[in-house]
């Protein structure tokens, strides 16, 4: 196999992978790799004119990466939001996370505030930054929520009825986003939806494990 053929295959595979990956960072890196392979392949053929197209590919990739890095640097977060970046928003760039968080708002809750009601549609997604809440299903206490946990993630994307009633038990601080606008936003931003779905699944697994431990302790 000639060196030109190897470079051609590398260029093709890099572009193919760039179309398949969900990560914006990986996409840009693969496009840049394809461009570099294209430049090397063109250099082995005729000369400078054949290098123009792959050079432009590399240039576009560099500009895209530079723009993303600049947007990340300019994105500002509160202390509570920084914690979310390492929790349910893990996998998003800072700029994308900032854009997502701007779809919701921060609120202060008081003991007795009901966030979701069993059998009713979940109106908002919540992230509990501080405080606590209790989870009641069929009249029984089935769990307690603490800081760092999501509320409403089980049904927020499906519009199904809530499986439990969640009530704030002490002064709390949480981020929330209306279900309708959130679903519209995620429908238009597949990369963010993919990250959130992973975070939702992780949150549900942790809650199930906590419920199982609580049940075992009571047995």
N, C-alpha and C. Protein backbone atom coordinates (compact mmCIF):
# COMPACT_ATOMS: atom_id res chain seq x y z
N UNK A 1 0.85 -1.20 0.00
CA UNK A 1 0.00 0.00 0.00
C UNK A 1 0.89 1.25 0.00
N UNK A 2 0.61 2.18 -0.91
CA UNK A 2 1.43 3.38 -1.02
C UNK A 2 1.12 4.36 0.11
N UNK A 3 2.07 5.28 0.32
CA UNK A 3 1.87 6.31 1.35
C UNK A 3 0.68 7.18 1.02
N UNK A 4 0.45 7.47 -0.26
CA UNK A 4 -0.69 8.29 -0.68
C UNK A 4 -2.01 7.62 -0.32
N UNK A 5 -2.07 6.29 -0.54
CA UNK A 5 -3.29 5.55 -0.21
C UNK A 5 -3.53 5.56 1.30
N UNK A 6 -2.48 5.44 2.08
CA UNK A 6 -2.60 5.47 3.54
C UNK A 6 -3.15 6.82 3.99
N UNK A 7 -2.62 7.90 3.41
CA UNK A 7 -3.09 9.23 3.75
C UNK A 7 -4.54 9.44 3.34
N UNK A 8 -4.90 8.90 2.16
CA UNK A 8 -6.29 9.01 1.70
C UNK A 8 -7.23 8.30 2.67
N UNK A 9 -6.87 7.11 3.09
CA UNK A 9 -7.70 6.35 4.01
C UNK A 9 -7.81 7.06 5.36
N UNK A 10 -6.70 7.65 5.82
CA UNK A 10 -6.71 8.37 7.09
C UNK A 10 -7.64 9.58 7.01
N UNK A 11 -7.59 10.29 5.88
CA UNK A 11 -8.46 11.44 5.67
C UNK A 11 -9.92 11.01 5.66
N UNK A 12 -10.22 9.93 4.93
CA UNK A 12 -11.59 9.44 4.83
C UNK A 12 -12.13 9.00 6.18
N UNK A 13 -11.33 8.21 6.93
CA UNK A 13 -11.77 7.71 8.23
C UNK A 13 -11.98 8.84 9.23
N UNK A 14 -11.10 9.84 9.19
CA UNK A 14 -11.24 10.97 10.10
C UNK A 14 -12.53 11.74 9.83
N UNK A 15 -12.85 11.96 8.56
CA UNK A 15 -14.09 12.66 8.22
C UNK A 15 -15.31 11.82 8.58
N UNK A 16 -15.23 10.51 8.38
CA UNK A 16 -16.34 9.63 8.73
C UNK A 16 -16.59 9.65 10.23
N UNK A 17 -15.53 9.55 11.00
CA UNK A 17 -15.68 9.60 12.46
C UNK A 17 -16.20 10.95 12.93
N UNK A 18 -15.78 12.01 12.25
CA UNK A 18 -16.24 13.36 12.62
C UNK A 18 -17.75 13.48 12.48
N UNK A 19 -18.33 12.76 11.52
CA UNK A 19 -19.78 12.81 11.33
C UNK A 19 -20.53 11.98 12.38
N UNK A 20 -19.82 11.03 13.02
CA UNK A 20 -20.48 10.12 13.94
C UNK A 20 -20.37 10.53 15.40
N UNK A 21 -19.27 11.19 15.76
CA UNK A 21 -19.07 11.52 17.17
C UNK A 21 -20.03 12.61 17.61
N UNK A 22 -20.40 12.58 18.90
CA UNK A 22 -21.31 13.58 19.46
C UNK A 22 -20.54 14.76 20.07
N UNK A 23 -19.32 14.51 20.49
CA UNK A 23 -18.53 15.54 21.14
C UNK A 23 -18.08 16.60 20.14
N UNK A 24 -18.35 17.86 20.45
CA UNK A 24 -17.93 18.95 19.58
C UNK A 24 -16.42 19.01 19.51
N UNK A 25 -15.76 18.81 20.64
CA UNK A 25 -14.30 18.85 20.68
C UNK A 25 -13.70 17.77 19.79
N UNK A 26 -14.23 16.54 19.88
CA UNK A 26 -13.72 15.44 19.05
C UNK A 26 -14.00 15.69 17.58
N UNK A 27 -15.16 16.27 17.28
CA UNK A 27 -15.52 16.58 15.90
C UNK A 27 -14.51 17.52 15.28
N UNK A 28 -14.17 18.58 15.98
CA UNK A 28 -13.22 19.56 15.46
C UNK A 28 -11.83 18.94 15.29
N UNK A 29 -11.43 18.12 16.26
CA UNK A 29 -10.11 17.49 16.18
C UNK A 29 -10.01 16.56 14.98
N UNK A 30 -11.08 15.81 14.72
CA UNK A 30 -11.08 14.88 13.60
C UNK A 30 -11.08 15.61 12.26
N UNK A 31 -11.82 16.72 12.19
CA UNK A 31 -11.82 17.51 10.95
C UNK A 31 -10.42 18.06 10.69
N UNK A 32 -9.77 18.54 11.75
CA UNK A 32 -8.41 19.03 11.59
C UNK A 32 -7.45 17.94 11.15
N UNK A 33 -7.62 16.73 11.71
CA UNK A 33 -6.78 15.61 11.32
C UNK A 33 -6.98 15.25 9.85
N UNK A 34 -8.25 15.29 9.42
CA UNK A 34 -8.54 15.00 8.01
C UNK A 34 -7.88 16.03 7.10
N UNK A 35 -7.92 17.29 7.52
CA UNK A 35 -7.30 18.34 6.72
C UNK A 35 -5.80 18.17 6.62
N UNK A 36 -5.16 17.81 7.75
CA UNK A 36 -3.71 17.60 7.74
C UNK A 36 -3.34 16.44 6.83
N UNK A 37 -4.13 15.36 6.91
CA UNK A 37 -3.88 14.21 6.03
C UNK A 37 -4.05 14.61 4.57
N UNK A 38 -5.06 15.46 4.32
CA UNK A 38 -5.29 15.92 2.95
C UNK A 38 -4.14 16.77 2.43
N UNK A 39 -3.60 17.63 3.28
CA UNK A 39 -2.46 18.46 2.88
C UNK A 39 -1.26 17.58 2.55
N UNK A 40 -1.00 16.59 3.43
CA UNK A 40 0.14 15.70 3.20
C UNK A 40 -0.03 14.92 1.91
N UNK A 41 -1.27 14.47 1.64
CA UNK A 41 -1.54 13.71 0.43
C UNK A 41 -1.36 14.59 -0.81
N UNK A 42 -1.87 15.84 -0.73
CA UNK A 42 -1.75 16.75 -1.87
C UNK A 42 -0.29 17.12 -2.14
N UNK A 43 0.48 17.26 -1.06
CA UNK A 43 1.89 17.63 -1.21
C UNK A 43 2.67 16.54 -1.96
N UNK A 44 2.22 15.29 -1.87
CA UNK A 44 2.90 14.20 -2.56
C UNK A 44 2.49 14.10 -4.02
N UNK A 45 1.47 14.90 -4.41
CA UNK A 45 0.98 14.84 -5.78
C UNK A 45 1.52 16.00 -6.61
N UNK A 46 0.68 16.97 -6.85
CA UNK A 46 1.04 18.02 -7.82
C UNK A 46 1.74 19.22 -7.19
N UNK A 47 1.25 19.67 -6.02
CA UNK A 47 1.87 20.86 -5.49
C UNK A 47 0.92 21.74 -4.71
N UNK A 48 1.20 23.07 -4.75
CA UNK A 48 0.54 24.01 -3.86
C UNK A 48 -0.96 24.13 -4.09
N UNK A 49 -1.42 24.15 -5.34
CA UNK A 49 -2.84 24.36 -5.61
C UNK A 49 -3.68 23.21 -5.03
N UNK A 50 -3.16 21.98 -5.10
CA UNK A 50 -3.91 20.84 -4.58
C UNK A 50 -3.97 20.87 -3.05
N UNK A 51 -3.10 21.66 -2.44
CA UNK A 51 -3.08 21.76 -0.97
C UNK A 51 -4.08 22.78 -0.46
N UNK A 52 -4.67 23.60 -1.37
CA UNK A 52 -5.53 24.68 -0.93
C UNK A 52 -6.77 24.18 -0.20
N UNK A 53 -7.48 23.19 -0.78
CA UNK A 53 -8.72 22.72 -0.17
C UNK A 53 -8.49 22.11 1.21
N UNK A 54 -7.55 21.15 1.37
CA UNK A 54 -7.32 20.61 2.71
C UNK A 54 -6.80 21.67 3.69
N UNK A 55 -6.03 22.65 3.17
CA UNK A 55 -5.56 23.72 4.05
C UNK A 55 -6.74 24.51 4.61
N UNK A 56 -7.73 24.76 3.76
CA UNK A 56 -8.92 25.49 4.21
C UNK A 56 -9.70 24.67 5.24
N UNK A 57 -9.72 23.34 5.06
CA UNK A 57 -10.38 22.48 6.04
C UNK A 57 -9.72 22.64 7.41
N UNK A 58 -8.38 22.59 7.42
CA UNK A 58 -7.64 22.76 8.66
C UNK A 58 -7.91 24.15 9.25
N UNK A 59 -7.92 25.16 8.41
CA UNK A 59 -8.15 26.52 8.88
C UNK A 59 -9.52 26.65 9.53
N UNK A 60 -10.54 26.06 8.91
CA UNK A 60 -11.90 26.11 9.49
C UNK A 60 -11.92 25.41 10.84
N UNK A 61 -11.26 24.25 10.94
CA UNK A 61 -11.22 23.52 12.21
C UNK A 61 -10.53 24.34 13.29
N UNK A 62 -9.42 25.00 12.93
CA UNK A 62 -8.70 25.83 13.90
C UNK A 62 -9.56 26.99 14.37
N UNK A 63 -10.27 27.64 13.45
CA UNK A 63 -11.15 28.75 13.80
C UNK A 63 -12.27 28.28 14.72
N UNK A 64 -12.86 27.10 14.41
CA UNK A 64 -13.93 26.56 15.25
C UNK A 64 -13.45 26.27 16.66
N UNK A 65 -12.29 25.62 16.76
CA UNK A 65 -11.74 25.30 18.07
C UNK A 65 -11.41 26.58 18.83
N UNK A 66 -10.82 27.55 18.15
CA UNK A 66 -10.49 28.81 18.79
C UNK A 66 -11.72 29.54 19.30
N UNK A 67 -12.78 29.52 18.51
CA UNK A 67 -14.03 30.17 18.92
C UNK A 67 -14.62 29.49 20.14
N UNK A 68 -14.56 28.15 20.16
CA UNK A 68 -15.11 27.42 21.30
C UNK A 68 -14.31 27.71 22.56
N UNK A 69 -12.97 27.71 22.44
CA UNK A 69 -12.14 27.99 23.60
C UNK A 69 -12.38 29.40 24.13
N UNK A 70 -12.57 30.35 23.23
CA UNK A 70 -12.84 31.73 23.65
C UNK A 70 -14.19 31.81 24.35
N UNK A 71 -15.20 31.11 23.79
CA UNK A 71 -16.53 31.11 24.41
C UNK A 71 -16.47 30.47 25.79
N UNK A 72 -15.69 29.39 25.93
CA UNK A 72 -15.55 28.73 27.23
C UNK A 72 -14.92 29.67 28.25
N UNK A 73 -13.89 30.39 27.80
CA UNK A 73 -13.18 31.30 28.71
C UNK A 73 -14.10 32.44 29.18
N UNK A 74 -14.98 32.88 28.32
CA UNK A 74 -15.87 34.00 28.66
C UNK A 74 -17.07 33.57 29.50
N UNK A 75 -17.35 32.27 29.58
CA UNK A 75 -18.52 31.78 30.31
C UNK A 75 -18.26 31.86 31.81
N UNK A 76 -19.18 32.48 32.53
CA UNK A 76 -19.05 32.66 33.98
C UNK A 76 -20.13 31.86 34.70
N UNK A 77 -19.77 31.33 35.88
CA UNK A 77 -20.69 30.51 36.65
C UNK A 77 -20.62 30.87 38.13
N UNK A 78 -21.76 30.71 38.80
CA UNK A 78 -21.78 30.88 40.26
C UNK A 78 -21.17 29.63 40.89
N UNK A 79 -20.96 29.66 42.21
CA UNK A 79 -20.39 28.51 42.90
C UNK A 79 -21.30 27.28 42.75
N UNK A 80 -22.62 27.48 42.86
CA UNK A 80 -23.56 26.37 42.70
C UNK A 80 -23.53 25.81 41.28
N UNK A 81 -23.40 26.69 40.30
CA UNK A 81 -23.35 26.24 38.91
C UNK A 81 -22.07 25.49 38.60
N UNK A 82 -20.98 25.88 39.22
CA UNK A 82 -19.72 25.16 39.03
C UNK A 82 -19.86 23.72 39.48
N UNK A 83 -20.61 23.50 40.55
CA UNK A 83 -20.83 22.13 41.04
C UNK A 83 -21.63 21.33 40.01
N UNK A 84 -22.59 21.98 39.37
CA UNK A 84 -23.38 21.29 38.34
C UNK A 84 -22.52 20.84 37.17
N UNK A 85 -21.46 21.58 36.89
CA UNK A 85 -20.58 21.23 35.76
C UNK A 85 -19.90 19.88 35.98
N UNK A 86 -19.70 19.51 37.25
CA UNK A 86 -19.06 18.24 37.55
C UNK A 86 -20.10 17.19 37.95
N UNK A 87 -21.38 17.54 37.83
CA UNK A 87 -22.47 16.62 38.14
C UNK A 87 -23.28 16.31 36.91
N UNK A 88 -24.53 16.76 36.86
CA UNK A 88 -25.40 16.42 35.73
C UNK A 88 -24.97 17.01 34.39
N UNK A 89 -24.11 18.02 34.40
CA UNK A 89 -23.68 18.64 33.14
C UNK A 89 -22.30 18.18 32.70
N UNK A 90 -21.77 17.15 33.35
CA UNK A 90 -20.47 16.61 32.96
C UNK A 90 -20.50 16.16 31.49
N UNK A 91 -19.56 16.64 30.72
CA UNK A 91 -19.52 16.30 29.29
C UNK A 91 -19.82 17.47 28.39
N UNK A 92 -20.41 18.53 28.95
CA UNK A 92 -20.67 19.74 28.16
C UNK A 92 -19.50 20.70 28.28
N UNK A 93 -19.22 21.44 27.21
CA UNK A 93 -18.24 22.51 27.31
C UNK A 93 -18.83 23.60 28.21
N UNK A 94 -17.98 24.47 28.71
CA UNK A 94 -18.47 25.53 29.60
C UNK A 94 -19.46 26.44 28.88
N UNK A 95 -19.19 26.71 27.61
CA UNK A 95 -20.09 27.58 26.85
C UNK A 95 -21.46 26.93 26.66
N UNK A 96 -21.48 25.63 26.35
CA UNK A 96 -22.75 24.92 26.16
C UNK A 96 -23.49 24.81 27.48
N UNK A 97 -22.75 24.57 28.57
CA UNK A 97 -23.38 24.48 29.89
C UNK A 97 -24.00 25.83 30.27
N UNK A 98 -23.29 26.92 29.97
CA UNK A 98 -23.82 28.25 30.28
C UNK A 98 -25.11 28.51 29.50
N UNK A 99 -25.11 28.11 28.24
CA UNK A 99 -26.29 28.30 27.40
C UNK A 99 -27.46 27.49 27.93
N UNK A 100 -27.20 26.27 28.39
CA UNK A 100 -28.27 25.44 28.94
C UNK A 100 -28.80 26.03 30.24
N UNK A 101 -27.92 26.42 31.15
CA UNK A 101 -28.36 26.95 32.44
C UNK A 101 -29.19 28.21 32.27
N UNK A 102 -28.94 28.96 31.22
CA UNK A 102 -29.71 30.18 30.97
C UNK A 102 -31.15 29.88 30.58
N UNK A 103 -31.48 28.61 30.32
CA UNK A 103 -32.86 28.24 30.01
C UNK A 103 -33.70 28.14 31.28
N UNK A 104 -33.05 28.14 32.43
CA UNK A 104 -33.76 28.06 33.71
C UNK A 104 -33.42 29.23 34.62
N UNK A 105 -33.71 29.09 35.89
CA UNK A 105 -33.45 30.18 36.84
C UNK A 105 -33.28 29.58 38.24
N UNK A 106 -32.71 30.38 39.13
CA UNK A 106 -32.47 29.95 40.50
C UNK A 106 -33.57 30.45 41.42
N UNK A 107 -33.96 29.60 42.38
CA UNK A 107 -35.03 29.95 43.32
C UNK A 107 -34.64 29.50 44.73
N UNK A 108 -35.31 30.10 45.70
CA UNK A 108 -35.17 29.69 47.10
C UNK A 108 -36.47 29.03 47.54
N UNK A 109 -36.37 27.85 48.12
CA UNK A 109 -37.56 27.14 48.57
C UNK A 109 -37.67 27.14 50.08
N UNK A 110 -38.91 26.97 50.57
CA UNK A 110 -39.16 26.91 52.00
C UNK A 110 -39.76 25.54 52.35
N UNK A 111 -39.63 25.16 53.60
CA UNK A 111 -40.20 23.89 54.05
C UNK A 111 -41.69 23.87 53.73
N UNK A 112 -42.15 22.81 53.11
CA UNK A 112 -43.56 22.68 52.74
C UNK A 112 -43.83 22.93 51.27
N UNK A 113 -42.90 23.53 50.57
CA UNK A 113 -43.09 23.76 49.13
C UNK A 113 -43.10 22.41 48.40
N UNK A 114 -44.12 22.21 47.56
CA UNK A 114 -44.25 20.96 46.80
C UNK A 114 -43.67 21.16 45.41
N UNK A 115 -42.70 20.33 45.04
CA UNK A 115 -42.05 20.46 43.74
C UNK A 115 -42.71 19.57 42.69
N UNK A 116 -43.08 18.36 43.06
CA UNK A 116 -43.82 17.48 42.16
C UNK A 116 -44.93 16.79 42.95
N UNK A 117 -46.03 16.47 42.26
CA UNK A 117 -47.14 15.76 42.91
C UNK A 117 -47.37 14.43 42.20
N UNK A 118 -47.47 13.39 42.98
CA UNK A 118 -47.70 12.06 42.44
C UNK A 118 -48.96 12.03 41.58
N UNK A 119 -48.85 11.48 40.38
CA UNK A 119 -49.99 11.36 39.49
C UNK A 119 -50.22 12.56 38.60
N UNK A 120 -49.44 13.64 38.82
CA UNK A 120 -49.58 14.85 38.00
C UNK A 120 -48.35 15.03 37.13
N UNK A 121 -48.54 15.73 36.01
CA UNK A 121 -47.43 15.99 35.10
C UNK A 121 -46.38 16.85 35.79
N UNK A 122 -45.13 16.52 35.56
CA UNK A 122 -44.02 17.29 36.14
C UNK A 122 -43.85 18.58 35.36
N UNK A 123 -44.00 19.70 36.04
CA UNK A 123 -43.96 20.98 35.35
C UNK A 123 -42.56 21.55 35.16
N UNK A 124 -41.61 21.12 36.01
CA UNK A 124 -40.26 21.68 35.93
C UNK A 124 -39.23 20.63 36.33
N UNK A 125 -38.03 20.81 35.79
CA UNK A 125 -36.88 20.02 36.22
C UNK A 125 -36.15 20.83 37.28
N UNK A 126 -35.75 20.15 38.37
CA UNK A 126 -35.07 20.84 39.46
C UNK A 126 -33.70 20.22 39.71
N UNK A 127 -32.77 21.08 40.13
CA UNK A 127 -31.49 20.63 40.65
C UNK A 127 -31.34 21.23 42.04
N UNK A 128 -31.26 20.38 43.04
CA UNK A 128 -31.18 20.83 44.43
C UNK A 128 -29.73 21.15 44.78
N UNK A 129 -29.44 22.43 44.93
CA UNK A 129 -28.07 22.86 45.23
C UNK A 129 -27.79 22.81 46.73
N UNK A 130 -28.80 23.11 47.54
CA UNK A 130 -28.64 23.05 48.99
C UNK A 130 -30.01 22.82 49.62
N UNK A 131 -30.01 22.25 50.83
CA UNK A 131 -31.28 21.96 51.49
C UNK A 131 -31.64 20.49 51.39
N UNK A 132 -32.94 20.20 51.53
CA UNK A 132 -33.39 18.80 51.51
C UNK A 132 -34.86 18.74 51.13
N UNK A 133 -35.27 17.56 50.70
CA UNK A 133 -36.67 17.32 50.35
C UNK A 133 -37.00 15.86 50.61
N UNK A 134 -38.27 15.57 50.85
CA UNK A 134 -38.69 14.18 51.07
C UNK A 134 -39.48 13.68 49.87
N UNK A 135 -39.42 12.38 49.65
CA UNK A 135 -40.10 11.75 48.52
C UNK A 135 -41.14 10.79 49.08
N UNK A 136 -42.41 11.02 48.73
CA UNK A 136 -43.52 10.19 49.23
C UNK A 136 -44.25 9.58 48.06
N UNK A 137 -44.45 8.26 48.10
CA UNK A 137 -45.19 7.55 47.05
C UNK A 137 -46.24 6.65 47.71
N UNK A 138 -47.47 6.74 47.22
CA UNK A 138 -48.58 5.94 47.77
C UNK A 138 -48.70 6.11 49.27
N UNK A 139 -48.42 7.32 49.75
CA UNK A 139 -48.56 7.63 51.16
C UNK A 139 -47.40 7.20 52.04
N UNK A 140 -46.34 6.65 51.43
CA UNK A 140 -45.20 6.18 52.20
C UNK A 140 -43.94 6.97 51.84
N UNK A 141 -43.16 7.27 52.87
CA UNK A 141 -41.88 7.94 52.65
C UNK A 141 -40.92 6.95 52.02
N UNK A 142 -40.45 7.24 50.81
CA UNK A 142 -39.59 6.30 50.09
C UNK A 142 -38.17 6.84 49.89
N UNK A 143 -37.93 8.07 50.27
CA UNK A 143 -36.59 8.60 50.08
C UNK A 143 -36.44 10.03 50.55
N UNK A 144 -35.20 10.45 50.67
CA UNK A 144 -34.85 11.81 51.04
C UNK A 144 -33.84 12.34 50.04
N UNK A 145 -34.03 13.56 49.59
CA UNK A 145 -33.13 14.16 48.61
C UNK A 145 -32.26 15.21 49.28
N UNK A 146 -31.00 15.21 48.91
CA UNK A 146 -30.04 16.17 49.44
C UNK A 146 -29.41 16.96 48.31
N UNK A 147 -28.53 17.86 48.66
CA UNK A 147 -27.88 18.72 47.66
C UNK A 147 -27.15 17.89 46.61
N UNK A 148 -27.19 18.38 45.38
CA UNK A 148 -26.52 17.70 44.28
C UNK A 148 -27.40 16.75 43.51
N UNK A 149 -28.69 16.64 43.88
CA UNK A 149 -29.58 15.70 43.22
C UNK A 149 -30.61 16.40 42.34
N UNK A 150 -31.03 15.68 41.29
CA UNK A 150 -32.06 16.17 40.38
C UNK A 150 -33.43 15.75 40.87
N UNK A 151 -34.44 16.52 40.49
CA UNK A 151 -35.83 16.21 40.84
C UNK A 151 -36.67 16.35 39.58
N UNK A 152 -37.42 15.30 39.26
CA UNK A 152 -38.29 15.34 38.09
C UNK A 152 -37.68 14.76 36.85
N UNK A 153 -36.44 14.26 36.94
CA UNK A 153 -35.75 13.78 35.75
C UNK A 153 -36.36 12.50 35.19
N UNK A 154 -37.09 11.75 36.01
CA UNK A 154 -37.64 10.46 35.57
C UNK A 154 -38.69 10.63 34.48
N UNK A 155 -39.43 11.72 34.52
CA UNK A 155 -40.55 11.89 33.58
C UNK A 155 -40.54 13.20 32.82
N UNK A 156 -39.54 14.04 33.05
CA UNK A 156 -39.54 15.37 32.44
C UNK A 156 -39.50 15.32 30.92
N UNK A 157 -38.84 14.31 30.36
CA UNK A 157 -38.71 14.22 28.91
C UNK A 157 -39.86 13.48 28.26
N UNK A 158 -40.59 12.70 29.03
CA UNK A 158 -41.68 11.89 28.47
C UNK A 158 -43.06 12.49 28.70
N UNK A 159 -43.15 13.48 29.60
CA UNK A 159 -44.43 14.11 29.96
C UNK A 159 -45.35 13.14 30.71
N UNK A 160 -44.78 12.04 31.23
CA UNK A 160 -45.57 11.13 32.05
C UNK A 160 -45.83 11.75 33.42
N UNK A 161 -46.80 11.18 34.14
CA UNK A 161 -47.14 11.70 35.47
C UNK A 161 -46.02 11.36 36.46
N UNK A 162 -45.87 12.21 37.46
CA UNK A 162 -44.86 11.98 38.49
C UNK A 162 -45.18 10.71 39.27
N UNK A 163 -44.16 9.96 39.62
CA UNK A 163 -44.35 8.71 40.36
C UNK A 163 -44.34 8.94 41.86
N UNK A 164 -44.03 10.17 42.30
CA UNK A 164 -43.98 10.46 43.74
C UNK A 164 -44.18 11.96 43.96
N UNK A 165 -44.50 12.30 45.20
CA UNK A 165 -44.61 13.70 45.59
C UNK A 165 -43.33 14.11 46.30
N UNK A 166 -42.74 15.19 45.84
CA UNK A 166 -41.49 15.69 46.44
C UNK A 166 -41.79 17.01 47.13
N UNK A 167 -41.48 17.07 48.42
CA UNK A 167 -41.77 18.25 49.23
C UNK A 167 -40.50 18.75 49.90
N UNK A 168 -40.24 20.02 49.82
CA UNK A 168 -39.08 20.63 50.48
C UNK A 168 -39.26 20.54 51.99
N UNK A 169 -38.21 20.14 52.71
CA UNK A 169 -38.31 19.98 54.17
C UNK A 169 -37.52 21.02 54.96
N UNK A 170 -36.74 21.83 54.27
CA UNK A 170 -35.98 22.90 54.93
C UNK A 170 -35.63 23.95 53.90
N UNK A 171 -35.16 25.09 54.35
CA UNK A 171 -34.79 26.15 53.42
C UNK A 171 -33.82 25.59 52.38
N UNK A 172 -34.14 25.81 51.11
CA UNK A 172 -33.37 25.18 50.04
C UNK A 172 -33.11 26.16 48.90
N UNK A 173 -32.11 25.84 48.14
CA UNK A 173 -31.75 26.62 46.95
C UNK A 173 -31.71 25.66 45.78
N UNK A 174 -32.43 25.97 44.71
CA UNK A 174 -32.43 25.07 43.57
C UNK A 174 -32.57 25.82 42.25
N UNK A 175 -32.03 25.16 41.22
CA UNK A 175 -32.18 25.63 39.84
C UNK A 175 -33.35 24.89 39.23
N UNK A 176 -34.16 25.57 38.43
CA UNK A 176 -35.29 24.88 37.80
C UNK A 176 -35.52 25.43 36.39
N UNK A 177 -36.10 24.58 35.55
CA UNK A 177 -36.39 24.95 34.17
C UNK A 177 -37.76 24.39 33.81
N UNK A 178 -38.65 25.21 33.21
CA UNK A 178 -39.98 24.75 32.80
C UNK A 178 -39.89 23.60 31.81
N UNK A 179 -40.74 22.60 31.99
CA UNK A 179 -40.67 21.38 31.18
C UNK A 179 -40.86 21.67 29.69
N UNK A 180 -41.84 22.48 29.34
CA UNK A 180 -42.14 22.71 27.92
C UNK A 180 -40.99 23.39 27.20
N UNK A 181 -40.46 24.45 27.78
CA UNK A 181 -39.36 25.16 27.13
C UNK A 181 -38.09 24.31 27.15
N UNK A 182 -37.91 23.52 28.20
CA UNK A 182 -36.73 22.65 28.29
C UNK A 182 -36.76 21.60 27.20
N UNK A 183 -37.92 20.97 26.99
CA UNK A 183 -38.02 19.95 25.95
C UNK A 183 -37.82 20.54 24.56
N UNK A 184 -38.32 21.74 24.34
CA UNK A 184 -38.11 22.40 23.05
C UNK A 184 -36.63 22.70 22.84
N UNK A 185 -35.96 23.12 23.90
CA UNK A 185 -34.53 23.42 23.81
C UNK A 185 -33.73 22.17 23.51
N UNK A 186 -34.04 21.08 24.20
CA UNK A 186 -33.30 19.84 24.00
C UNK A 186 -33.56 19.24 22.63
N UNK A 187 -34.76 19.44 22.11
CA UNK A 187 -35.06 18.94 20.76
C UNK A 187 -34.21 19.64 19.72
N UNK A 188 -33.82 20.87 19.99
CA UNK A 188 -33.01 21.65 19.05
C UNK A 188 -31.52 21.55 19.33
N UNK A 189 -31.15 20.91 20.44
CA UNK A 189 -29.73 20.81 20.83
C UNK A 189 -29.45 19.37 21.25
N UNK A 190 -29.21 18.52 20.26
CA UNK A 190 -29.05 17.10 20.50
C UNK A 190 -27.85 16.78 21.38
N UNK A 191 -26.77 17.55 21.27
CA UNK A 191 -25.59 17.27 22.08
C UNK A 191 -25.87 17.46 23.57
N UNK A 192 -26.64 18.50 23.89
CA UNK A 192 -27.00 18.75 25.29
C UNK A 192 -27.96 17.67 25.79
N UNK A 193 -28.90 17.28 24.95
CA UNK A 193 -29.85 16.23 25.33
C UNK A 193 -29.13 14.92 25.65
N UNK A 194 -28.14 14.60 24.84
CA UNK A 194 -27.40 13.36 25.06
C UNK A 194 -26.71 13.38 26.42
N UNK A 195 -26.08 14.48 26.77
CA UNK A 195 -25.40 14.61 28.06
C UNK A 195 -26.40 14.54 29.20
N UNK A 196 -27.53 15.23 29.07
CA UNK A 196 -28.52 15.25 30.14
C UNK A 196 -29.14 13.87 30.35
N UNK A 197 -29.42 13.17 29.27
CA UNK A 197 -30.01 11.84 29.40
C UNK A 197 -29.07 10.92 30.18
N UNK A 198 -27.79 11.05 29.92
CA UNK A 198 -26.80 10.26 30.68
C UNK A 198 -26.85 10.66 32.15
N UNK A 199 -26.92 11.97 32.43
CA UNK A 199 -27.00 12.44 33.80
C UNK A 199 -28.29 12.00 34.49
N UNK A 200 -29.38 12.01 33.75
CA UNK A 200 -30.66 11.55 34.30
C UNK A 200 -30.58 10.07 34.69
N UNK A 201 -30.03 9.26 33.81
CA UNK A 201 -29.92 7.82 34.08
C UNK A 201 -29.05 7.56 35.30
N UNK A 202 -27.96 8.30 35.41
CA UNK A 202 -27.07 8.15 36.56
C UNK A 202 -27.79 8.54 37.84
N UNK A 203 -28.55 9.63 37.80
CA UNK A 203 -29.30 10.10 38.96
C UNK A 203 -30.33 9.06 39.40
N UNK A 204 -31.05 8.48 38.44
CA UNK A 204 -32.06 7.48 38.77
C UNK A 204 -31.43 6.22 39.37
N UNK A 205 -30.27 5.82 38.85
CA UNK A 205 -29.59 4.65 39.42
C UNK A 205 -29.19 4.90 40.87
N UNK A 206 -28.67 6.10 41.15
CA UNK A 206 -28.25 6.44 42.50
C UNK A 206 -29.45 6.44 43.46
N UNK A 207 -30.58 6.98 42.99
CA UNK A 207 -31.78 7.00 43.84
C UNK A 207 -32.29 5.60 44.11
N UNK A 208 -32.27 4.74 43.10
CA UNK A 208 -32.73 3.37 43.27
C UNK A 208 -31.84 2.63 44.26
N UNK A 209 -30.53 2.84 44.16
CA UNK A 209 -29.61 2.20 45.09
C UNK A 209 -29.85 2.68 46.51
N UNK A 210 -30.12 3.98 46.67
CA UNK A 210 -30.39 4.54 48.00
C UNK A 210 -31.67 3.95 48.58
N UNK A 211 -32.71 3.79 47.75
CA UNK A 211 -33.97 3.21 48.20
C UNK A 211 -33.78 1.75 48.61
N UNK A 212 -32.97 1.03 47.83
CA UNK A 212 -32.72 -0.37 48.16
C UNK A 212 -31.97 -0.51 49.50
N UNK A 213 -31.02 0.39 49.72
CA UNK A 213 -30.27 0.36 51.00
C UNK A 213 -31.20 0.68 52.16
N UNK A 214 -32.10 1.67 51.96
CA UNK A 214 -33.03 2.04 53.02
C UNK A 214 -33.99 0.89 53.33
N UNK A 215 -34.46 0.20 52.29
CA UNK A 215 -35.37 -0.93 52.48
C UNK A 215 -34.67 -2.06 53.21
N UNK A 216 -33.42 -2.31 52.86
CA UNK A 216 -32.66 -3.38 53.50
C UNK A 216 -32.43 -3.07 54.99
N UNK A 217 -32.21 -1.79 55.31
CA UNK A 217 -31.97 -1.40 56.70
C UNK A 217 -33.23 -1.55 57.55
N UNK A 218 -34.40 -1.34 56.94
CA UNK A 218 -35.65 -1.45 57.67
C UNK A 218 -36.11 -2.89 57.84
N UNK A 219 -35.59 -3.78 56.97
CA UNK A 219 -36.02 -5.19 57.02
C UNK A 219 -35.47 -5.91 58.26
